Amino acid sequence: EVQLVETGGGSVQAGGSLILSCAASGTRDGTYTMGWFRQGPGKQREGVAFIDSDSRTKYRDSVKGRFTISRDNAKNTLYLQMNSLRPEDTARYYCVADSRPWLAWGTTLRSDLFVYWGQGIQVTVSS
């Protein structure tokens, strides 16, 4: 069992920056692949960025060059550095984890592939 707790959300003006953190507790075997999904108002949930324990990463196109995902394996903590934020980044962001090496397998990262989810944290970007 893995518990995920997100921190660091909030409100920011367009062009600003935020850092999201996700602290994982429980069995480390369940956090081989970690990442972030988000769901904006009236929108479908979408994958944002993912990283595995071997530092493979994957980003959705709209955040490439603006967001950076990283993890501290010793602390079992995941981070998402978000720069140059846009109003369309406004969403509830969810930390996710799974024991399977989805990035190594080249799998399309759907939300149903991830067993463990945090409660989510709100990010609001105003224009």
C-alpha atoms as a PDB file:
ATOM      1  CA  GLU A   1       0.000   0.000   0.000  1.00  0.00           C
ATOM      2  CA  VAL A   2       1.219   3.495  -0.866  1.00  0.00           C
ATOM      3  CA  GLN A   3      -0.072   6.813   0.386  1.00  0.00           C
ATOM      4  CA  LEU A   4       0.557   9.972  -1.630  1.00  0.00           C
ATOM      5  CA  VAL A   5       0.250  13.497  -0.272  1.00  0.00           C
ATOM      6  CA  GLU A   6       0.578  16.527  -2.513  1.00  0.00           C
ATOM      7  CA  THR A   7       1.695  19.979  -1.378  1.00  0.00           C
ATOM      8  CA  GLY A   8       2.634  23.249  -3.043  1.00  0.00           C
ATOM      9  CA  GLY A   9      -0.413  24.230  -5.051  1.00  0.00           C
ATOM     10  CA  GLY A  10      -1.981  27.662  -5.041  1.00  0.00           C
ATOM     11  CA  SER A  11      -2.753  30.677  -7.163  1.00  0.00           C
ATOM     12  CA  VAL A  12      -0.318  32.479  -9.411  1.00  0.00           C
ATOM     13  CA  GLN A  13      -0.429  34.960 -12.270  1.00  0.00           C
ATOM     14  CA  ALA A  14       0.340  33.915 -15.812  1.00  0.00           C
ATOM     15  CA  GLY A  15       4.062  33.635 -16.352  1.00  0.00           C
ATOM     16  CA  GLY A  16       4.677  32.689 -12.748  1.00  0.00           C
ATOM     17  CA  SER A  17       6.052  29.506 -11.211  1.00  0.00           C
ATOM     18  CA  LEU A  18       4.997  26.882  -8.697  1.00  0.00           C
ATOM     19  CA  ILE A  19       6.558  23.700  -7.356  1.00  0.00           C
ATOM     20  CA  LEU A  20       4.358  20.732  -6.513  1.00  0.00           C
ATOM     21  CA  SER A  21       5.641  18.027  -4.185  1.00  0.00           C
ATOM     22  CA  CYS A  22       4.295  14.563  -3.545  1.00  0.00           C
ATOM     23  CA  ALA A  23       5.449  12.608  -0.513  1.00  0.00           C
ATOM     24  CA  ALA A  24       5.008   8.865  -0.799  1.00  0.00           C
ATOM     25  CA  SER A  25       4.800   6.576   2.202  1.00  0.00           C
ATOM     26  CA  GLY A  26       4.366   2.843   2.432  1.00  0.00           C
ATOM     27  CA  THR A  27       6.063   0.218   0.315  1.00  0.00           C
ATOM     28  CA  ARG A  28       8.660   1.587  -2.087  1.00  0.00           C
ATOM     29  CA  ASP A  29       7.873  -1.247  -4.479  1.00  0.00           C
ATOM     30  CA  GLY A  30       4.704   0.575  -5.407  1.00  0.00           C
ATOM     31  CA  THR A  31       6.399   3.749  -6.636  1.00  0.00           C
ATOM     32  CA  TYR A  32       8.546   2.603  -9.531  1.00  0.00           C
ATOM     33  CA  THR A  33       6.666   4.891 -11.906  1.00  0.00           C
ATOM     34  CA  MET A  34       5.357   8.196 -10.563  1.00  0.00           C
ATOM     35  CA  GLY A  35       3.789  11.160 -12.206  1.00  0.00           C
ATOM     36  CA  TRP A  36       1.118  13.813 -12.365  1.00  0.00           C
ATOM     37  CA  PHE A  37      -2.307  13.940 -13.925  1.00  0.00           C
ATOM     38  CA  ARG A  38      -4.501  17.016 -13.978  1.00  0.00           C
ATOM     39  CA  GLN A  39      -8.125  17.822 -14.538  1.00  0.00           C
ATOM     40  CA  GLY A  40      -9.251  21.314 -15.386  1.00  0.00           C
ATOM     41  CA  PRO A  41     -12.807  22.671 -15.151  1.00  0.00           C
ATOM     42  CA  GLY A  42     -14.957  20.997 -17.759  1.00  0.00           C
ATOM     43  CA  LYS A  43     -12.020  19.021 -19.116  1.00  0.00           C
ATOM     44  CA  GLN A  44     -10.979  15.386 -19.168  1.00  0.00           C
ATOM     45  CA  ARG A  45      -8.217  14.167 -16.918  1.00  0.00           C
ATOM     46  CA  GLU A  46      -4.870  14.259 -18.722  1.00  0.00           C
ATOM     47  CA  GLY A  47      -1.351  13.073 -18.059  1.00  0.00           C
ATOM     48  CA  VAL A  48       1.173  15.847 -17.452  1.00  0.00           C
ATOM     49  CA  ALA A  49       4.564  14.326 -16.664  1.00  0.00           C
ATOM     50  CA  PHE A  50       5.994  11.004 -15.519  1.00  0.00           C
ATOM     51  CA  ILE A  51       9.261   9.656 -14.185  1.00  0.00           C
ATOM     52  CA  ASP A  52      10.488   6.254 -13.109  1.00  0.00           C
ATOM     53  CA  SER A  53      13.145   5.099 -10.658  1.00  0.00           C
ATOM     54  CA  ASP A  54      15.654   4.895 -13.518  1.00  0.00           C
ATOM     55  CA  SER A  55      14.993   8.562 -14.389  1.00  0.00           C
ATOM     56  CA  ARG A  56      13.111   7.978 -17.625  1.00  0.00           C
ATOM     57  CA  THR A  57      10.731  10.856 -18.158  1.00  0.00           C
ATOM     58  CA  LYS A  58       7.783  11.698 -20.351  1.00  0.00           C
ATOM     59  CA  TYR A  59       5.888  14.966 -20.753  1.00  0.00           C
ATOM     60  CA  ARG A  60       2.755  16.001 -22.534  1.00  0.00           C
ATOM     61  CA  ASP A  61       3.596  18.297 -25.434  1.00  0.00           C
ATOM     62  CA  SER A  62       1.948  21.403 -23.996  1.00  0.00           C
ATOM     63  CA  VAL A  63       4.219  21.449 -20.926  1.00  0.00           C
ATOM     64  CA  LYS A  64       7.534  20.522 -22.550  1.00  0.00           C
ATOM     65  CA  GLY A  65      10.138  23.188 -21.878  1.00  0.00           C
ATOM     66  CA  ARG A  66       8.027  24.692 -19.066  1.00  0.00           C
ATOM     67  CA  PHE A  67       7.577  21.873 -16.545  1.00  0.00           C
ATOM     68  CA  THR A  68      10.270  19.657 -15.051  1.00  0.00           C
ATOM     69  CA  ILE A  69       9.544  16.447 -13.180  1.00  0.00           C
ATOM     70  CA  SER A  70      12.051  15.026 -10.722  1.00  0.00           C
ATOM     71  CA  ARG A  71      12.186  12.679  -7.789  1.00  0.00           C
ATOM     72  CA  ASP A  72      14.305  12.067  -4.733  1.00  0.00           C
ATOM     73  CA  ASN A  73      14.359   8.296  -4.390  1.00  0.00           C
ATOM     74  CA  ALA A  74      15.967   8.456  -0.949  1.00  0.00           C
ATOM     75  CA  LYS A  75      13.107  10.605   0.336  1.00  0.00           C
ATOM     76  CA  ASN A  76      10.520   8.905  -1.888  1.00  0.00           C
ATOM     77  CA  THR A  77       9.306  12.330  -2.955  1.00  0.00           C
ATOM     78  CA  LEU A  78       8.177  13.510  -6.368  1.00  0.00           C
ATOM     79  CA  TYR A  79       8.391  17.093  -7.624  1.00  0.00           C
ATOM     80  CA  LEU A  80       6.929  19.101 -10.474  1.00  0.00           C
ATOM     81  CA  GLN A  81       8.579  22.438 -11.196  1.00  0.00           C
ATOM     82  CA  MET A  82       6.136  24.509 -13.231  1.00  0.00           C
ATOM     83  CA  ASN A  83       7.422  27.641 -14.964  1.00  0.00           C
ATOM     84  CA  SER A  84       5.830  30.064 -17.421  1.00  0.00           C
ATOM     85  CA  LEU A  85       2.407  29.040 -16.185  1.00  0.00           C
ATOM     86  CA  ARG A  86      -0.603  29.725 -18.395  1.00  0.00           C
ATOM     87  CA  PRO A  87      -4.298  30.056 -17.552  1.00  0.00           C
ATOM     88  CA  GLU A  88      -4.875  26.747 -19.373  1.00  0.00           C
ATOM     89  CA  ASP A  89      -2.664  25.035 -16.751  1.00  0.00           C
ATOM     90  CA  THR A  90      -5.386  25.725 -14.184  1.00  0.00           C
ATOM     91  CA  ALA A  91      -6.477  22.343 -12.851  1.00  0.00           C
ATOM     92  CA  ARG A  92      -6.475  19.987  -9.940  1.00  0.00           C
ATOM     93  CA  TYR A  93      -3.184  18.106 -10.066  1.00  0.00           C
ATOM     94  CA  TYR A  94      -2.981  14.513  -8.882  1.00  0.00           C
ATOM     95  CA  CYS A  95       0.148  12.618  -7.905  1.00  0.00           C
ATOM     96  CA  VAL A  96       0.129   8.995  -9.042  1.00  0.00           C
ATOM     97  CA  ALA A  97       2.315   5.954  -8.537  1.00  0.00           C
ATOM     98  CA  ASP A  98       2.512   2.399  -9.768  1.00  0.00           C
ATOM     99  CA  SER A  99       4.878  -0.529  -9.369  1.00  0.00           C
ATOM    100  CA  ARG A 100       5.121  -1.313 -13.082  1.00  0.00           C
ATOM    101  CA  PRO A 101       7.778   0.122 -15.459  1.00  0.00           C
ATOM    102  CA  TRP A 102       5.361   1.813 -17.832  1.00  0.00           C
ATOM    103  CA  LEU A 103       7.962   4.155 -19.308  1.00  0.00           C
ATOM    104  CA  ALA A 104      10.407   1.341 -20.012  1.00  0.00           C
ATOM    105  CA  TRP A 105       7.619  -0.544 -21.771  1.00  0.00           C
ATOM    106  CA  GLY A 106       6.691   2.483 -23.874  1.00  0.00           C
ATOM    107  CA  THR A 107       3.083   2.278 -22.747  1.00  0.00           C
ATOM    108  CA  THR A 108       0.625   5.086 -23.391  1.00  0.00           C
ATOM    109  CA  LEU A 109       0.093   6.410 -19.873  1.00  0.00           C
ATOM    110  CA  ARG A 110      -3.634   6.279 -19.173  1.00  0.00           C
ATOM    111  CA  SER A 111      -4.993   7.114 -15.757  1.00  0.00           C
ATOM    112  CA  ASP A 112      -6.333   3.590 -15.242  1.00  0.00           C
ATOM    113  CA  LEU A 113      -2.763   2.223 -15.287  1.00  0.00           C
ATOM    114  CA  PHE A 114      -1.919   3.839 -11.958  1.00  0.00           C
ATOM    115  CA  VAL A 115      -2.968   2.108  -8.767  1.00  0.00           C
ATOM    116  CA  TYR A 116      -2.097   4.801  -6.250  1.00  0.00           C
ATOM    117  CA  TRP A 117      -3.501   8.336  -6.293  1.00  0.00           C
ATOM    118  CA  GLY A 118      -3.176  11.366  -4.061  1.00  0.00           C
ATOM    119  CA  GLN A 119      -6.123  13.545  -3.122  1.00  0.00           C
ATOM    120  CA  GLY A 120      -5.109  16.215  -5.580  1.00  0.00           C
ATOM    121  CA  ILE A 121      -4.103  19.831  -5.188  1.00  0.00           C
ATOM    122  CA  GLN A 122      -5.447  22.924  -6.906  1.00  0.00           C
ATOM    123  CA  VAL A 123      -3.363  25.107  -9.192  1.00  0.00           C
ATOM    124  CA  THR A 124      -4.986  28.302 -10.446  1.00  0.00           C
ATOM    125  CA  VAL A 125      -3.322  30.554 -12.997  1.00  0.00           C
ATOM    126  CA  SER A 126      -4.886  33.938 -13.614  1.00  0.00           C
ATOM    127  CA  SER A 127      -4.366  36.039 -16.709  1.00  0.00           C
END
